[in-house]
Amino acid sequence: MPSKGPRLCACGRVVPAGRPCPCAVRRKAESDANRPSPAARGYDAPWREARANHLARNPLCVACGCKATLVDHIASIRKAPHRRLDPTNFASMCAPCHGRKTAAVDG
């Protein structure tokens, strides 16, 4: 069975398949260190309660129909902070679908 070969990182290092380049690990750690806490970004106790209620009422992913584990803000908190806890702004999603949607819509 063939396996993936090594890849070339943007920094010029050859990286084994399935492993992150040390420069990517360092960049992520630096980015995370400068990121505000979840509560500061709007994911506090009221959000956790609204999320749990939404998932209890809507347990399936709106994109693929599998079990949802995340609640997406249709209009992001950054773009519509006043809709942060608005249930009409929620969509139940599985992690892969949420990742695709977020990458496509929010960059």
N, C-alpha and C. Protein backbone atom coordinates (compact mmCIF):
# COMPACT_ATOMS: atom_id res chain seq x y z
N MET A 1 0.84 -1.17 0.00
CA MET A 1 0.00 0.00 0.00
C MET A 1 0.89 1.24 0.00
N PRO A 2 0.72 2.14 -0.97
CA PRO A 2 1.56 3.33 -1.03
C PRO A 2 1.22 4.31 0.10
N SER A 3 2.24 5.00 0.56
CA SER A 3 2.03 6.01 1.59
C SER A 3 2.51 7.35 1.05
N LYS A 4 2.06 8.41 1.71
CA LYS A 4 2.47 9.74 1.28
C LYS A 4 3.95 9.94 1.55
N GLY A 5 4.57 10.66 0.67
CA GLY A 5 5.97 10.99 0.85
C GLY A 5 6.14 12.28 1.61
N PRO A 6 7.37 12.65 1.89
CA PRO A 6 7.61 13.90 2.61
C PRO A 6 7.19 15.09 1.74
N ARG A 7 7.01 16.22 2.40
CA ARG A 7 6.63 17.44 1.67
C ARG A 7 7.62 18.55 2.00
N LEU A 8 7.60 19.57 1.20
CA LEU A 8 8.48 20.72 1.39
C LEU A 8 7.69 21.84 2.05
N CYS A 9 8.13 22.30 3.21
CA CYS A 9 7.48 23.40 3.93
C CYS A 9 7.85 24.72 3.25
N ALA A 10 7.07 25.75 3.52
CA ALA A 10 7.35 27.07 2.96
C ALA A 10 8.71 27.61 3.42
N CYS A 11 9.19 27.14 4.58
CA CYS A 11 10.48 27.59 5.09
C CYS A 11 11.65 26.90 4.38
N GLY A 12 11.35 25.84 3.59
CA GLY A 12 12.39 25.13 2.87
C GLY A 12 12.77 23.79 3.45
N ARG A 13 12.24 23.44 4.63
CA ARG A 13 12.53 22.15 5.25
C ARG A 13 11.74 21.03 4.59
N VAL A 14 12.33 19.86 4.54
CA VAL A 14 11.61 18.66 4.11
C VAL A 14 10.96 18.08 5.37
N VAL A 15 9.64 17.90 5.32
CA VAL A 15 8.87 17.47 6.49
C VAL A 15 8.26 16.11 6.20
N PRO A 16 8.41 15.14 7.13
CA PRO A 16 7.79 13.83 6.92
C PRO A 16 6.27 13.95 6.81
N ALA A 17 5.67 13.06 6.04
CA ALA A 17 4.22 13.07 5.86
C ALA A 17 3.51 12.94 7.20
N GLY A 18 2.48 13.73 7.37
CA GLY A 18 1.67 13.66 8.57
C GLY A 18 2.25 14.36 9.78
N ARG A 19 3.38 15.03 9.65
CA ARG A 19 4.02 15.73 10.76
C ARG A 19 4.07 17.22 10.44
N PRO A 20 3.87 18.07 11.43
CA PRO A 20 3.99 19.51 11.18
C PRO A 20 5.45 19.95 11.17
N CYS A 21 5.73 20.97 10.43
CA CYS A 21 7.08 21.55 10.42
C CYS A 21 7.27 22.32 11.73
N PRO A 22 8.44 22.29 12.32
CA PRO A 22 8.68 23.05 13.56
C PRO A 22 8.35 24.54 13.42
N CYS A 23 8.56 25.11 12.24
CA CYS A 23 8.24 26.53 12.07
C CYS A 23 6.73 26.75 12.16
N ALA A 24 5.92 25.81 11.67
CA ALA A 24 4.46 25.93 11.76
C ALA A 24 4.00 25.80 13.20
N VAL A 25 4.62 24.90 13.95
CA VAL A 25 4.29 24.73 15.37
C VAL A 25 4.60 26.02 16.13
N ARG A 26 5.74 26.61 15.85
CA ARG A 26 6.15 27.85 16.51
C ARG A 26 5.19 29.00 16.16
N ARG A 27 4.81 29.12 14.87
CA ARG A 27 3.88 30.18 14.45
C ARG A 27 2.53 30.03 15.15
N LYS A 28 2.03 28.79 15.26
CA LYS A 28 0.74 28.56 15.91
C LYS A 28 0.82 28.93 17.39
N ALA A 29 1.91 28.55 18.06
CA ALA A 29 2.07 28.86 19.48
C ALA A 29 2.10 30.38 19.70
N GLU A 30 2.80 31.10 18.83
CA GLU A 30 2.87 32.56 18.94
C GLU A 30 1.50 33.18 18.71
N SER A 31 0.77 32.66 17.72
CA SER A 31 -0.56 33.18 17.42
C SER A 31 -1.51 32.92 18.58
N ASP A 32 -1.48 31.71 19.14
CA ASP A 32 -2.36 31.37 20.26
C ASP A 32 -2.05 32.20 21.50
N ALA A 33 -0.78 32.53 21.72
CA ALA A 33 -0.40 33.31 22.88
C ALA A 33 -0.99 34.72 22.83
N ASN A 34 -1.18 35.24 21.63
CA ASN A 34 -1.70 36.59 21.45
C ASN A 34 -3.23 36.63 21.31
N ARG A 35 -3.87 35.46 21.27
CA ARG A 35 -5.31 35.39 21.06
C ARG A 35 -6.06 35.62 22.37
N PRO A 36 -7.15 36.40 22.33
CA PRO A 36 -7.94 36.60 23.56
C PRO A 36 -8.57 35.29 24.03
N SER A 37 -8.94 35.24 25.29
CA SER A 37 -9.57 34.04 25.84
C SER A 37 -10.93 33.82 25.18
N PRO A 38 -11.46 32.59 25.25
CA PRO A 38 -12.79 32.35 24.68
C PRO A 38 -13.86 33.28 25.26
N ALA A 39 -13.81 33.53 26.56
CA ALA A 39 -14.80 34.42 27.18
C ALA A 39 -14.69 35.84 26.60
N ALA A 40 -13.47 36.29 26.36
CA ALA A 40 -13.28 37.63 25.80
C ALA A 40 -13.77 37.70 24.35
N ARG A 41 -13.82 36.53 23.67
CA ARG A 41 -14.30 36.50 22.29
C ARG A 41 -15.80 36.25 22.21
N GLY A 42 -16.49 36.15 23.36
CA GLY A 42 -17.94 35.99 23.36
C GLY A 42 -18.43 34.59 23.66
N TYR A 43 -17.54 33.67 24.01
CA TYR A 43 -17.93 32.30 24.31
C TYR A 43 -17.89 32.07 25.82
N ASP A 44 -18.84 32.73 26.52
CA ASP A 44 -18.91 32.69 27.97
C ASP A 44 -20.03 31.76 28.44
N ALA A 45 -20.38 31.82 29.72
CA ALA A 45 -21.40 30.93 30.27
C ALA A 45 -22.75 31.06 29.56
N PRO A 46 -23.25 32.27 29.27
CA PRO A 46 -24.52 32.36 28.54
C PRO A 46 -24.44 31.69 27.15
N TRP A 47 -23.28 31.81 26.49
CA TRP A 47 -23.13 31.14 25.19
C TRP A 47 -23.14 29.62 25.36
N ARG A 48 -22.42 29.12 26.36
CA ARG A 48 -22.38 27.67 26.57
C ARG A 48 -23.78 27.11 26.84
N GLU A 49 -24.59 27.86 27.59
CA GLU A 49 -25.97 27.42 27.85
C GLU A 49 -26.81 27.44 26.57
N ALA A 50 -26.70 28.52 25.79
CA ALA A 50 -27.45 28.62 24.52
C ALA A 50 -27.01 27.52 23.56
N ARG A 51 -25.71 27.23 23.53
CA ARG A 51 -25.17 26.17 22.66
C ARG A 51 -25.74 24.81 23.04
N ALA A 52 -25.74 24.50 24.34
CA ALA A 52 -26.25 23.21 24.81
C ALA A 52 -27.74 23.07 24.49
N ASN A 53 -28.50 24.13 24.70
CA ASN A 53 -29.94 24.10 24.37
C ASN A 53 -30.16 23.88 22.89
N HIS A 54 -29.38 24.56 22.06
CA HIS A 54 -29.54 24.42 20.61
C HIS A 54 -29.21 23.00 20.15
N LEU A 55 -28.12 22.44 20.65
CA LEU A 55 -27.74 21.08 20.25
C LEU A 55 -28.76 20.04 20.74
N ALA A 56 -29.39 20.30 21.88
CA ALA A 56 -30.41 19.37 22.38
C ALA A 56 -31.64 19.38 21.45
N ARG A 57 -31.99 20.55 20.93
CA ARG A 57 -33.15 20.67 20.03
C ARG A 57 -32.81 20.32 18.59
N ASN A 58 -31.55 20.51 18.19
CA ASN A 58 -31.13 20.30 16.80
C ASN A 58 -29.85 19.47 16.79
N PRO A 59 -29.95 18.15 16.98
CA PRO A 59 -28.75 17.32 17.15
C PRO A 59 -28.02 16.93 15.86
N LEU A 60 -28.58 17.26 14.69
CA LEU A 60 -27.96 16.83 13.43
C LEU A 60 -27.34 18.01 12.69
N CYS A 61 -26.24 17.72 12.00
CA CYS A 61 -25.54 18.73 11.20
C CYS A 61 -26.44 19.20 10.06
N VAL A 62 -26.55 20.51 9.90
CA VAL A 62 -27.40 21.06 8.84
C VAL A 62 -26.81 20.81 7.45
N ALA A 63 -25.51 20.54 7.38
CA ALA A 63 -24.85 20.36 6.08
C ALA A 63 -24.87 18.92 5.60
N CYS A 64 -24.62 17.96 6.51
CA CYS A 64 -24.50 16.57 6.06
C CYS A 64 -25.44 15.60 6.75
N GLY A 65 -26.07 16.01 7.86
CA GLY A 65 -27.02 15.15 8.55
C GLY A 65 -26.44 14.23 9.61
N CYS A 66 -25.13 14.26 9.81
CA CYS A 66 -24.55 13.43 10.87
C CYS A 66 -24.72 14.12 12.22
N LYS A 67 -24.22 13.50 13.30
CA LYS A 67 -24.36 14.08 14.63
C LYS A 67 -23.58 15.39 14.73
N ALA A 68 -24.26 16.45 15.16
CA ALA A 68 -23.63 17.75 15.32
C ALA A 68 -22.94 17.83 16.67
N THR A 69 -21.77 18.45 16.69
CA THR A 69 -21.03 18.65 17.93
C THR A 69 -20.74 20.13 18.17
N LEU A 70 -20.99 20.96 17.17
CA LEU A 70 -20.70 22.40 17.26
C LEU A 70 -21.92 23.20 16.87
N VAL A 71 -21.97 24.43 17.36
CA VAL A 71 -23.02 25.36 16.95
C VAL A 71 -22.33 26.53 16.26
N ASP A 72 -22.67 26.73 15.01
CA ASP A 72 -22.08 27.80 14.20
C ASP A 72 -22.92 29.05 14.31
N HIS A 73 -22.27 30.21 14.35
CA HIS A 73 -22.97 31.47 14.20
C HIS A 73 -23.07 31.73 12.70
N ILE A 74 -24.27 31.80 12.17
CA ILE A 74 -24.47 32.03 10.75
C ILE A 74 -23.84 33.37 10.37
N ALA A 75 -24.18 34.43 11.10
CA ALA A 75 -23.49 35.71 10.98
C ALA A 75 -22.50 35.74 12.14
N SER A 76 -21.21 35.84 11.85
CA SER A 76 -20.18 35.71 12.89
C SER A 76 -20.35 36.76 13.98
N ILE A 77 -19.82 36.43 15.15
CA ILE A 77 -19.87 37.37 16.27
C ILE A 77 -19.14 38.65 15.91
N ARG A 78 -18.07 38.52 15.16
CA ARG A 78 -17.29 39.70 14.76
C ARG A 78 -18.12 40.64 13.88
N LYS A 79 -18.92 40.06 12.99
CA LYS A 79 -19.73 40.88 12.07
C LYS A 79 -21.06 41.31 12.66
N ALA A 80 -21.62 40.51 13.57
CA ALA A 80 -22.93 40.81 14.16
C ALA A 80 -22.92 40.48 15.65
N PRO A 81 -22.21 41.26 16.47
CA PRO A 81 -22.12 40.94 17.89
C PRO A 81 -23.47 40.94 18.60
N HIS A 82 -24.41 41.71 18.11
CA HIS A 82 -25.73 41.77 18.73
C HIS A 82 -26.52 40.47 18.54
N ARG A 83 -26.10 39.60 17.62
CA ARG A 83 -26.78 38.32 17.37
C ARG A 83 -26.07 37.14 18.00
N ARG A 84 -25.14 37.40 18.92
CA ARG A 84 -24.33 36.35 19.55
C ARG A 84 -25.18 35.27 20.21
N LEU A 85 -26.26 35.64 20.88
CA LEU A 85 -27.11 34.67 21.57
C LEU A 85 -28.48 34.51 20.91
N ASP A 86 -28.62 34.98 19.69
CA ASP A 86 -29.88 34.88 18.94
C ASP A 86 -30.01 33.48 18.34
N PRO A 87 -30.98 32.67 18.81
CA PRO A 87 -31.11 31.30 18.30
C PRO A 87 -31.37 31.21 16.80
N THR A 88 -31.89 32.27 16.19
CA THR A 88 -32.10 32.24 14.74
C THR A 88 -30.78 32.41 13.99
N ASN A 89 -29.71 32.70 14.72
CA ASN A 89 -28.39 32.85 14.11
C ASN A 89 -27.52 31.61 14.34
N PHE A 90 -28.10 30.52 14.85
CA PHE A 90 -27.36 29.30 15.14
C PHE A 90 -27.61 28.24 14.08
N ALA A 91 -26.58 27.43 13.82
CA ALA A 91 -26.71 26.26 12.95
C ALA A 91 -25.88 25.13 13.56
N SER A 92 -26.52 23.99 13.78
CA SER A 92 -25.81 22.82 14.30
C SER A 92 -24.93 22.24 13.20
N MET A 93 -23.68 21.92 13.53
CA MET A 93 -22.76 21.38 12.53
C MET A 93 -21.80 20.38 13.16
N CYS A 94 -21.33 19.44 12.34
CA CYS A 94 -20.24 18.56 12.76
C CYS A 94 -18.93 19.33 12.54
N ALA A 95 -17.85 18.87 13.13
CA ALA A 95 -16.58 19.58 13.05
C ALA A 95 -16.06 19.73 11.61
N PRO A 96 -16.09 18.68 10.76
CA PRO A 96 -15.58 18.86 9.40
C PRO A 96 -16.39 19.89 8.60
N CYS A 97 -17.71 19.84 8.70
CA CYS A 97 -18.54 20.80 7.97
C CYS A 97 -18.34 22.22 8.49
N HIS A 98 -18.22 22.35 9.82
CA HIS A 98 -17.99 23.67 10.40
C HIS A 98 -16.65 24.24 9.95
N GLY A 99 -15.62 23.39 9.90
CA GLY A 99 -14.32 23.85 9.44
C GLY A 99 -14.36 24.32 8.00
N ARG A 100 -15.04 23.56 7.14
CA ARG A 100 -15.17 23.97 5.73
C ARG A 100 -15.92 25.28 5.60
N LYS A 101 -17.04 25.41 6.33
CA LYS A 101 -17.85 26.62 6.25
C LYS A 101 -17.07 27.84 6.76
N THR A 102 -16.40 27.68 7.89
CA THR A 102 -15.64 28.79 8.45
C THR A 102 -14.51 29.21 7.52
N ALA A 103 -13.81 28.25 6.94
CA ALA A 103 -12.72 28.59 6.03
C ALA A 103 -13.24 29.31 4.80
N ALA A 104 -14.38 28.88 4.29
CA ALA A 104 -14.95 29.47 3.07
C ALA A 104 -15.53 30.86 3.33
N VAL A 105 -16.21 31.04 4.46
CA VAL A 105 -16.93 32.28 4.73
C VAL A 105 -16.07 33.30 5.46
N ASP A 106 -15.37 32.85 6.50
CA ASP A 106 -14.62 33.79 7.36
C ASP A 106 -13.13 33.84 7.04
N GLY A 107 -12.68 33.00 6.13
CA GLY A 107 -11.27 33.02 5.76
C GLY A 107 -10.46 32.31 6.78
